Structures are given as structure tokens and as C-alpha cells.
Amino acid sequence: MIDVDAVLWDLDGTIADTEPLWIAAERRLADEHGGIWTEEDSLHLVGSALIDAGEYIRTTLGLALTAAEVVDRLVERVVAGVREHVEWRPGAVELLKAFEAEEVPQALVTMSWAVIADEIAPALPFDAVVTGDVVTRGKPHPEPYLMAAERLDVDPSRCLAIEDSATGAASANAAGCHVVVVPHVVKVPEADRRVAIPTLAGLVPDDLRALF
């Protein structure tokens, strides 16, 4: 069982089931511009930095928009969706509160913009928040997780990251974290310091520590 100095959480698909909102926003944008957008396109973007996703969408759909403009349109629609309702992933909020009860520092590490995180994070026990619009290099680069560890003043190698995507897991592993993967809409390959489990439901903090 490993000692954990901090827990670093992904948001989309890990804490909140926002992936359907992103996919709906992508499809709506494609429909508005007469483009073809497939499920494979949506899955390809899961966990990616938003500006990278915006460039992929712009290129794939042949849009006369910049990548930043594409992102702005997606973010506007996702914000509207989370304001209406947040669907929590099984066991996530309960584990957040359990780690809080143990006084373990926690950070949110998301590629969503701050305007989206601001709709969700204030209700949860986070000591730091890193969003996609404050990093220069998004997931799968380690910068987001390194920044979160720095803000909590902890060693990344003593952090537990919780992710749902291959992109996010690669980012956390590259930063030196141990990673618990709870796959949701995409498959995540095996790797060192990475363990996949089917759900967080019914688990307590020691269950995650005991995975490594």
C-alpha cells in the first residue's frame, strides 16, 4: 500500500459525466456548418487539450473559424449544460469527501476552461484547481499535473491521480504520479504505475492506496 500525499482528479468523465455534453456540442457545430462528425471523431478528442481539439474540429469540418473560436462555441454550450444539471460519476464525490475527511490535499486537473470548472469545483473539496486555459501544454504533456503538485507543494511521485482517458493517464504518469484509471467512454492502455478499475463506487481511500 502506497502513502499518498495528495490526490489529483480529472474532471470530465471522472468526476462529472460531461462527455455527452461535449459530444453533443461537437455534433451541433458540425450540423450547423453542414459537416460530418462521427463517433470516432468524438472519442479521438476525449481528454485532449481544448485548443488541440478545436484545431482538430476546425480541420476535420473545414470551418472558417480559428481553433480558439471553435473552443469558445463548445465551451459556451457545455457551460449551459452543466448549469442545467451535473451528472456525477459513481463513487467520485463520495471519495472526494472521504479523502477530505482524512485531510489529504486534493486538486482538480482538467483540460476544461476555468469557466466550466467554476461551475463544478466550488462545491467540491479542492485545495487547488488547474484548468486547460492556465497551462501552456495540455494533456498528454505532464505540465498540468506538475502544476497541480507544485500548487499543493507535494512531490508528484507521492500523488495519486484519478483519470478516465488515455491522454489524461499519460499526462499524470509522465508527471510521476501513480494513476488509477476508471475507463468511461474510451479504452486506456496498461502502463507502469497505472491500474485500471471498473468503478469508484463503494470504495474508500485505502482501497485506492492498496492498488499499488
C-alpha atoms as a PDB file:
ATOM      1  CA  MET A   1       0.000   0.000   0.000  1.00  0.00           C
ATOM      2  CA  ILE A   2       1.450   3.361  -1.020  1.00  0.00           C
ATOM      3  CA  ASP A   3       1.494   6.555   1.010  1.00  0.00           C
ATOM      4  CA  VAL A   4      -0.409   9.344  -0.733  1.00  0.00           C
ATOM      5  CA  ASP A   5       0.420  12.990  -0.060  1.00  0.00           C
ATOM      6  CA  ALA A   6      -2.261  14.326  -2.431  1.00  0.00           C
ATOM      7  CA  VAL A   7      -4.967  13.205  -4.835  1.00  0.00           C
ATOM      8  CA  LEU A   8      -5.225  14.823  -8.260  1.00  0.00           C
ATOM      9  CA  TRP A   9      -8.541  14.474 -10.039  1.00  0.00           C
ATOM     10  CA  ASP A  10      -9.540  14.755 -13.671  1.00  0.00           C
ATOM     11  CA  LEU A  11     -12.990  16.267 -14.199  1.00  0.00           C
ATOM     12  CA  ASP A  12     -14.699  15.288 -17.469  1.00  0.00           C
ATOM     13  CA  GLY A  13     -15.703  11.637 -17.379  1.00  0.00           C
ATOM     14  CA  THR A  14     -14.026  11.082 -14.000  1.00  0.00           C
ATOM     15  CA  ILE A  15     -15.942  13.246 -11.540  1.00  0.00           C
ATOM     16  CA  ALA A  16     -18.720  14.553 -13.768  1.00  0.00           C
ATOM     17  CA  ASP A  17     -20.240  12.769 -16.739  1.00  0.00           C
ATOM     18  CA  THR A  18     -19.816  15.736 -19.068  1.00  0.00           C
ATOM     19  CA  GLU A  19     -18.597  13.788 -22.092  1.00  0.00           C
ATOM     20  CA  PRO A  20     -22.141  13.616 -23.567  1.00  0.00           C
ATOM     21  CA  LEU A  21     -22.275  17.421 -23.383  1.00  0.00           C
ATOM     22  CA  TRP A  22     -19.013  17.776 -25.287  1.00  0.00           C
ATOM     23  CA  ILE A  23     -20.087  15.246 -27.911  1.00  0.00           C
ATOM     24  CA  ALA A  24     -23.458  16.961 -28.370  1.00  0.00           C
ATOM     25  CA  ALA A  25     -21.736  20.327 -28.750  1.00  0.00           C
ATOM     26  CA  GLU A  26     -19.370  18.925 -31.366  1.00  0.00           C
ATOM     27  CA  ARG A  27     -22.199  17.354 -33.355  1.00  0.00           C
ATOM     28  CA  ARG A  28     -24.286  20.518 -33.195  1.00  0.00           C
ATOM     29  CA  LEU A  29     -21.372  22.566 -34.513  1.00  0.00           C
ATOM     30  CA  ALA A  30     -20.919  20.098 -37.358  1.00  0.00           C
ATOM     31  CA  ASP A  31     -24.631  20.188 -38.190  1.00  0.00           C
ATOM     32  CA  GLU A  32     -24.654  23.988 -38.234  1.00  0.00           C
ATOM     33  CA  HIS A  33     -21.855  24.004 -40.797  1.00  0.00           C
ATOM     34  CA  GLY A  34     -23.025  21.062 -42.878  1.00  0.00           C
ATOM     35  CA  GLY A  35     -20.119  18.875 -41.849  1.00  0.00           C
ATOM     36  CA  ILE A  36     -19.832  15.195 -40.993  1.00  0.00           C
ATOM     37  CA  TRP A  37     -18.838  14.360 -37.433  1.00  0.00           C
ATOM     38  CA  THR A  38     -18.507  10.740 -36.330  1.00  0.00           C
ATOM     39  CA  GLU A  39     -18.407   8.952 -33.004  1.00  0.00           C
ATOM     40  CA  GLU A  40     -14.784   8.100 -33.758  1.00  0.00           C
ATOM     41  CA  ASP A  41     -14.014  11.807 -34.070  1.00  0.00           C
ATOM     42  CA  SER A  42     -15.541  12.490 -30.652  1.00  0.00           C
ATOM     43  CA  LEU A  43     -13.730   9.611 -28.975  1.00  0.00           C
ATOM     44  CA  HIS A  44     -10.447  10.744 -30.515  1.00  0.00           C
ATOM     45  CA  LEU A  45     -10.722  14.018 -28.589  1.00  0.00           C
ATOM     46  CA  VAL A  46     -11.554  12.633 -25.130  1.00  0.00           C
ATOM     47  CA  GLY A  47      -9.092  14.007 -22.599  1.00  0.00           C
ATOM     48  CA  SER A  48      -7.324  16.288 -25.071  1.00  0.00           C
ATOM     49  CA  ALA A  49      -6.308  19.900 -24.548  1.00  0.00           C
ATOM     50  CA  LEU A  50      -9.202  22.022 -25.803  1.00  0.00           C
ATOM     51  CA  ILE A  51      -7.158  24.089 -28.206  1.00  0.00           C
ATOM     52  CA  ASP A  52      -5.878  20.869 -29.798  1.00  0.00           C
ATOM     53  CA  ALA A  53      -9.464  19.633 -30.027  1.00  0.00           C
ATOM     54  CA  GLY A  54     -10.504  22.943 -31.573  1.00  0.00           C
ATOM     55  CA  GLU A  55      -7.843  22.615 -34.246  1.00  0.00           C
ATOM     56  CA  TYR A  56      -8.887  19.027 -34.991  1.00  0.00           C
ATOM     57  CA  ILE A  57     -12.532  20.059 -35.314  1.00  0.00           C
ATOM     58  CA  ARG A  58     -11.693  23.088 -37.447  1.00  0.00           C
ATOM     59  CA  THR A  59      -9.622  20.983 -39.817  1.00  0.00           C
ATOM     60  CA  THR A  60     -11.959  17.979 -39.922  1.00  0.00           C
ATOM     61  CA  LEU A  61     -15.038  20.089 -40.643  1.00  0.00           C
ATOM     62  CA  GLY A  62     -13.243  22.603 -42.857  1.00  0.00           C
ATOM     63  CA  LEU A  63     -14.510  25.514 -40.785  1.00  0.00           C
ATOM     64  CA  ALA A  64     -13.775  29.170 -41.457  1.00  0.00           C
ATOM     65  CA  LEU A  65     -13.146  29.604 -37.739  1.00  0.00           C
ATOM     66  CA  THR A  66      -9.989  29.635 -35.652  1.00  0.00           C
ATOM     67  CA  ALA A  67      -9.343  26.829 -33.190  1.00  0.00           C
ATOM     68  CA  ALA A  68      -9.991  29.303 -30.359  1.00  0.00           C
ATOM     69  CA  GLU A  69     -13.349  30.283 -31.854  1.00  0.00           C
ATOM     70  CA  VAL A  70     -14.333  26.621 -32.122  1.00  0.00           C
ATOM     71  CA  VAL A  71     -13.434  26.108 -28.459  1.00  0.00           C
ATOM     72  CA  ASP A  72     -15.420  29.172 -27.406  1.00  0.00           C
ATOM     73  CA  ARG A  73     -18.549  27.795 -29.077  1.00  0.00           C
ATOM     74  CA  LEU A  74     -18.130  24.370 -27.492  1.00  0.00           C
ATOM     75  CA  VAL A  75     -17.418  25.802 -24.052  1.00  0.00           C
ATOM     76  CA  GLU A  76     -20.484  28.042 -24.188  1.00  0.00           C
ATOM     77  CA  ARG A  77     -22.712  25.035 -24.807  1.00  0.00           C
ATOM     78  CA  VAL A  78     -21.066  22.835 -22.188  1.00  0.00           C
ATOM     79  CA  VAL A  79     -21.350  25.585 -19.579  1.00  0.00           C
ATOM     80  CA  ALA A  80     -25.058  25.852 -20.341  1.00  0.00           C
ATOM     81  CA  GLY A  81     -25.363  22.088 -19.906  1.00  0.00           C
ATOM     82  CA  VAL A  82     -23.619  21.887 -16.520  1.00  0.00           C
ATOM     83  CA  ARG A  83     -25.612  24.841 -15.253  1.00  0.00           C
ATOM     84  CA  GLU A  84     -28.746  22.878 -16.005  1.00  0.00           C
ATOM     85  CA  HIS A  85     -27.568  19.583 -14.467  1.00  0.00           C
ATOM     86  CA  VAL A  86     -24.382  17.812 -13.383  1.00  0.00           C
ATOM     87  CA  GLU A  87     -24.375  14.024 -13.605  1.00  0.00           C
ATOM     88  CA  TRP A  88     -21.789  12.683 -11.148  1.00  0.00           C
ATOM     89  CA  ARG A  89     -19.745   9.601 -11.935  1.00  0.00           C
ATOM     90  CA  PRO A  90     -20.384   6.715  -9.494  1.00  0.00           C
ATOM     91  CA  GLY A  91     -18.403   6.987  -6.262  1.00  0.00           C
ATOM     92  CA  ALA A  92     -16.415  10.097  -7.216  1.00  0.00           C
ATOM     93  CA  VAL A  93     -17.979  12.649  -4.876  1.00  0.00           C
ATOM     94  CA  GLU A  94     -18.010  10.142  -2.027  1.00  0.00           C
ATOM     95  CA  LEU A  95     -14.261   9.514  -2.437  1.00  0.00           C
ATOM     96  CA  LEU A  96     -13.537  13.227  -2.650  1.00  0.00           C
ATOM     97  CA  LYS A  97     -15.268  13.697   0.682  1.00  0.00           C
ATOM     98  CA  ALA A  98     -13.548  10.649   2.190  1.00  0.00           C
ATOM     99  CA  PHE A  99     -10.088  11.981   1.296  1.00  0.00           C
ATOM    100  CA  GLU A 100     -11.146  15.369   2.671  1.00  0.00           C
ATOM    101  CA  ALA A 101     -12.097  13.705   5.962  1.00  0.00           C
ATOM    102  CA  GLU A 102      -8.563  12.272   6.102  1.00  0.00           C
ATOM    103  CA  GLU A 103      -7.190  15.795   5.431  1.00  0.00           C
ATOM    104  CA  VAL A 104      -5.474  14.656   2.239  1.00  0.00           C
ATOM    105  CA  PRO A 105      -4.953  17.640  -0.120  1.00  0.00           C
ATOM    106  CA  GLN A 106      -6.782  17.382  -3.435  1.00  0.00           C
ATOM    107  CA  ALA A 107      -6.565  19.219  -6.731  1.00  0.00           C
ATOM    108  CA  LEU A 108      -8.652  19.344  -9.869  1.00  0.00           C
ATOM    109  CA  VAL A 109      -6.619  18.875 -13.057  1.00  0.00           C
ATOM    110  CA  THR A 110      -8.834  19.416 -16.076  1.00  0.00           C
ATOM    111  CA  MET A 111      -8.429  20.466 -19.666  1.00  0.00           C
ATOM    112  CA  SER A 112     -11.787  22.226 -19.488  1.00  0.00           C
ATOM    113  CA  TRP A 113     -11.569  26.001 -19.306  1.00  0.00           C
ATOM    114  CA  ALA A 114     -11.943  27.719 -15.933  1.00  0.00           C
ATOM    115  CA  VAL A 115     -15.448  28.897 -16.850  1.00  0.00           C
ATOM    116  CA  ILE A 116     -16.562  25.245 -16.818  1.00  0.00           C
ATOM    117  CA  ALA A 117     -14.583  24.223 -13.732  1.00  0.00           C
ATOM    118  CA  ASP A 118     -16.017  27.237 -11.897  1.00  0.00           C
ATOM    119  CA  GLU A 119     -19.479  25.712 -12.267  1.00  0.00           C
ATOM    120  CA  ILE A 120     -18.438  22.479 -10.539  1.00  0.00           C
ATOM    121  CA  ALA A 121     -15.283  22.859  -8.424  1.00  0.00           C
ATOM    122  CA  PRO A 122     -16.608  25.272  -5.746  1.00  0.00           C
ATOM    123  CA  ALA A 123     -18.982  22.592  -4.454  1.00  0.00           C
ATOM    124  CA  LEU A 124     -16.139  20.082  -4.028  1.00  0.00           C
ATOM    125  CA  PRO A 125     -13.221  19.960  -1.538  1.00  0.00           C
ATOM    126  CA  PHE A 126     -10.368  21.079  -3.786  1.00  0.00           C
ATOM    127  CA  ASP A 127      -7.283  22.846  -2.458  1.00  0.00           C
ATOM    128  CA  ALA A 128      -6.101  23.777  -5.955  1.00  0.00           C
ATOM    129  CA  VAL A 129      -7.545  23.886  -9.467  1.00  0.00           C
ATOM    130  CA  VAL A 130      -5.604  23.636 -12.734  1.00  0.00           C
ATOM    131  CA  THR A 131      -7.576  24.238 -15.927  1.00  0.00           C
ATOM    132  CA  GLY A 132      -6.725  23.980 -19.588  1.00  0.00           C
ATOM    133  CA  ASP A 133      -6.528  27.733 -20.067  1.00  0.00           C
ATOM    134  CA  VAL A 134      -3.764  28.226 -17.473  1.00  0.00           C
ATOM    135  CA  VAL A 135      -1.249  25.741 -18.907  1.00  0.00           C
ATOM    136  CA  THR A 136       0.883  26.202 -21.997  1.00  0.00           C
ATOM    137  CA  ARG A 137       0.921  22.485 -22.809  1.00  0.00           C
ATOM    138  CA  GLY A 138      -2.153  20.393 -22.094  1.00  0.00           C
ATOM    139  CA  LYS A 139      -2.591  16.678 -21.559  1.00  0.00           C
ATOM    140  CA  PRO A 140      -0.882  14.336 -22.511  1.00  0.00           C
ATOM    141  CA  HIS A 141       2.025  16.637 -21.557  1.00  0.00           C
ATOM    142  CA  PRO A 142       2.868  16.386 -17.830  1.00  0.00           C
ATOM    143  CA  GLU A 143       2.590  20.153 -17.244  1.00  0.00           C
ATOM    144  CA  PRO A 144      -0.993  20.119 -15.845  1.00  0.00           C
ATOM    145  CA  TYR A 145      -0.175  17.529 -13.189  1.00  0.00           C
ATOM    146  CA  LEU A 146       3.193  19.059 -12.382  1.00  0.00           C
ATOM    147  CA  MET A 147       1.484  22.416 -11.876  1.00  0.00           C
ATOM    148  CA  ALA A 148      -1.121  20.855  -9.574  1.00  0.00           C
ATOM    149  CA  ALA A 149       1.564  19.159  -7.460  1.00  0.00           C
ATOM    150  CA  GLU A 150       3.507  22.412  -7.259  1.00  0.00           C
ATOM    151  CA  ARG A 151       0.426  24.322  -6.115  1.00  0.00           C
ATOM    152  CA  LEU A 152      -0.139  21.747  -3.377  1.00  0.00           C
ATOM    153  CA  ASP A 153       3.587  21.734  -2.522  1.00  0.00           C
ATOM    154  CA  VAL A 154       3.866  17.962  -2.886  1.00  0.00           C
ATOM    155  CA  ASP A 155       6.106  15.582  -4.812  1.00  0.00           C
ATOM    156  CA  PRO A 156       4.238  14.250  -7.896  1.00  0.00           C
ATOM    157  CA  SER A 157       5.640  10.783  -7.238  1.00  0.00           C
ATOM    158  CA  ARG A 158       3.688  10.756  -3.980  1.00  0.00           C
ATOM    159  CA  CYS A 159       0.455  11.783  -5.677  1.00  0.00           C
ATOM    160  CA  LEU A 160      -2.441   9.613  -6.769  1.00  0.00           C
ATOM    161  CA  ALA A 161      -4.120  10.752  -9.991  1.00  0.00           C
ATOM    162  CA  ILE A 162      -7.585   9.593 -10.976  1.00  0.00           C
ATOM    163  CA  GLU A 163      -8.340   9.609 -14.702  1.00  0.00           C
ATOM    164  CA  ASP A 164     -10.664   8.142 -17.314  1.00  0.00           C
ATOM    165  CA  SER A 165      -8.745   8.648 -20.583  1.00  0.00           C
ATOM    166  CA  ALA A 166      -5.502   7.518 -22.179  1.00  0.00           C
ATOM    167  CA  THR A 167      -4.492  11.147 -22.735  1.00  0.00           C
ATOM    168  CA  GLY A 168      -5.038  12.086 -19.112  1.00  0.00           C
ATOM    169  CA  ALA A 169      -3.393   8.947 -17.751  1.00  0.00           C
ATOM    170  CA  ALA A 170      -0.342   9.592 -19.940  1.00  0.00           C
ATOM    171  CA  SER A 171      -0.111  13.132 -18.576  1.00  0.00           C
ATOM    172  CA  ALA A 172      -0.289  12.000 -14.960  1.00  0.00           C
ATOM    173  CA  ASN A 173       2.186   9.154 -15.451  1.00  0.00           C
ATOM    174  CA  ALA A 174       4.614  11.455 -17.241  1.00  0.00           C
ATOM    175  CA  ALA A 175       4.471  13.779 -14.236  1.00  0.00           C
ATOM    176  CA  GLY A 176       5.457  10.859 -11.996  1.00  0.00           C
ATOM    177  CA  CYS A 177       2.071  10.118 -10.427  1.00  0.00           C
ATOM    178  CA  HIS A 178       0.510   6.787  -9.658  1.00  0.00           C
ATOM    179  CA  VAL A 179      -2.663   6.633 -11.739  1.00  0.00           C
ATOM    180  CA  VAL A 180      -5.991   4.968 -11.087  1.00  0.00           C
ATOM    181  CA  VAL A 181      -7.914   4.724 -14.337  1.00  0.00           C
ATOM    182  CA  VAL A 182     -11.677   4.364 -14.387  1.00  0.00           C
ATOM    183  CA  PRO A 183     -12.414   3.989 -18.121  1.00  0.00           C
ATOM    184  CA  HIS A 184     -15.643   5.571 -19.255  1.00  0.00           C
ATOM    185  CA  VAL A 185     -16.063   6.185 -22.992  1.00  0.00           C
ATOM    186  CA  VAL A 186     -12.580   5.244 -24.239  1.00  0.00           C
ATOM    187  CA  LYS A 187     -10.160   2.401 -23.609  1.00  0.00           C
ATOM    188  CA  VAL A 188      -6.952   3.116 -21.707  1.00  0.00           C
ATOM    189  CA  PRO A 189      -3.826   1.007 -22.295  1.00  0.00           C
ATOM    190  CA  GLU A 190      -1.843  -0.564 -19.486  1.00  0.00           C
ATOM    191  CA  ALA A 191       1.328   1.135 -18.239  1.00  0.00           C
ATOM    192  CA  ASP A 192       3.690   1.214 -15.278  1.00  0.00           C
ATOM    193  CA  ARG A 193       2.292   2.950 -12.183  1.00  0.00           C
ATOM    194  CA  ARG A 194      -1.181   2.671 -13.692  1.00  0.00           C
ATOM    195  CA  VAL A 195      -4.065   0.470 -12.529  1.00  0.00           C
ATOM    196  CA  ALA A 196      -7.495   0.271 -14.153  1.00  0.00           C
ATOM    197  CA  ILE A 197     -10.635  -0.424 -12.157  1.00  0.00           C
ATOM    198  CA  PRO A 198     -14.246  -0.578 -13.343  1.00  0.00           C
ATOM    199  CA  THR A 199     -15.745   1.910 -10.893  1.00  0.00           C
ATOM    200  CA  LEU A 200     -15.095   4.094  -7.858  1.00  0.00           C
ATOM    201  CA  ALA A 201     -18.463   3.195  -6.375  1.00  0.00           C
ATOM    202  CA  GLY A 202     -18.275   1.716  -2.890  1.00  0.00           C
ATOM    203  CA  LEU A 203     -14.527   2.352  -2.490  1.00  0.00           C
ATOM    204  CA  VAL A 204     -12.690   4.076   0.349  1.00  0.00           C
ATOM    205  CA  PRO A 205      -9.281   5.803   0.185  1.00  0.00           C
ATOM    206  CA  ASP A 206      -7.353   2.748   1.387  1.00  0.00           C
ATOM    207  CA  ASP A 207      -8.834   0.723  -1.472  1.00  0.00           C
ATOM    208  CA  LEU A 208      -7.031   3.028  -3.908  1.00  0.00           C
ATOM    209  CA  ARG A 209      -3.807   3.069  -1.924  1.00  0.00           C
ATOM    210  CA  ALA A 210      -3.825  -0.725  -1.880  1.00  0.00           C
ATOM    211  CA  LEU A 211      -3.846  -0.904  -5.695  1.00  0.00           C
ATOM    212  CA  PHE A 212      -0.114  -0.125  -5.767  1.00  0.00           C
END
